[in-house]
């Protein structure tokens, strides 16, 4: 399921999280917010555009990269941290990409992918959660703008975010057929944000939003009026699938953390991992998590193949969120009294997991969706397939076979200039401890880092531990800082042969 390229991406992401996130998690939990300057760093690494086209700043990678992304951010000891990038990339911006105009993609999607702007999705209201067809927030057309009145609640990223993809009624008399999606800038006049206090997810912000005669340009409508309900039903499948990944991944972290504690904690003259009742409890949990994980992987493969999997996503969301509650409760039990103390991460994990059976569609709603499909023989169609919808999902322009990027050919460095640039960067970097060759076809640059310093030679016939096939224009972009090595790797601009672990050090040379 995961290739060597996926494994390299995972290690690079893990290194990034260990450097930029893990040292600060406790502080962010205490302050109940995360600094906005963190998110451009995610954007620079390409982490907010994994499945979006390059024309908007994305990488256009397969969905398995997103599986890895969700797994790793879910193991950072904080559900509050995990949810912000999840909302950013999988719960709000997909509506802009799938159904929005080119104007909206250029204005909003590009800034989401770069990390410059933070997005949120506004569905729930004080009087309407899962019952989307009965939302009360109204957006009435008045000339070249809409006038919005109403409220949204439980909005992740709503306090410090930049805009909300809001579910509104553009035709209040039409029920579900009157629901539309509208982008509302959160700094607009008439928008009020109230920060909510939560049981868990302390590192993230959650808001109640009020709209009082807020004027929103008509061009901020996503897709067609009256099609928002169908767009939403399609988008929720991705939200539930990524939530399922977070569910089992957080369980894996909790089990690992608990097993470590059990190996160190002694009672009655031996470590508590020697007591049969505790050992068997953990064995059962590990088995259930692994079974759920493999089912979610099955769903991810189906999603990656383009299948519309309402039943499977609902099942995955139901199973993993319910299992997470069980795992966190039983893992905390293994800590005894210490599990009730905030200094141990299990207390946080126990609090954070509770929202899983509520957010993104409650367990009760998941069961009803499944029951309708398997008992009542109800079928669901992708947005754009329903008869009332004149708008189909966008068809991407065919990919070209060139490996060049957006840089003009005239800006490509000569071979001699590339050699000189690599020498400069290699001299400033620590010795690699390996040999690395950049292969341009008929020419190459060898970097030998086995000694006390990195030595650079050209057109060397010696075999390197790792060879990177790359076009000169793409290496030019990497040397200039316009193309991130990891992004180049995931988008296929560079091909790696030999020891993949050496390629992971590429960033230290290009940095």
Foldseek 3Di string as FASTA:
>chain_A
DADLLLVLLLVLVLVVCVPLPLVCPVVLLVVLEDDLVSQLVCLLLQNQADCHDVVLPHQNFFCVSVLSVLLNQLLSLAPLRSVQSCQLRQNFCVLCQWFADPVCSNVPVSCSSSSVFGEKEFQAAPVDDPQRLPDDWAWEDDPQWTFTFGKGFQIWCLPVGFKYFYWHFHPNVPRLQRIFTFIDGCVFPQKDWDWDDALASSSITTTMIGGDRTIGGPSRTGHDGSLHSQQNLQSLLRVLLSLLSSLLSNLVSLLVLLVVQQCVDDDPHHRNCVDPVLVVVSVVLVVLSVVLVVLSVVVSVCVSVVDRCLLSSLVSLLSSLVSQLVSLVSSLVSVPPVSCDPVRSSVNSNSSSVCSCPPSAHSVRSVVVNCCCPPVVDDRDHRQPDPVDPDHTDDDDDDDPDLADPDDPVLQDDPVVLQVLLVVLQQVFFQLCFKEWEDQDQKIWIWHRVDRGTDIDIPDPDDTQKYKYAHRNVVSCLLVSNDDLSSCSSSVRIDMDHDVVSSSCVNRSSD
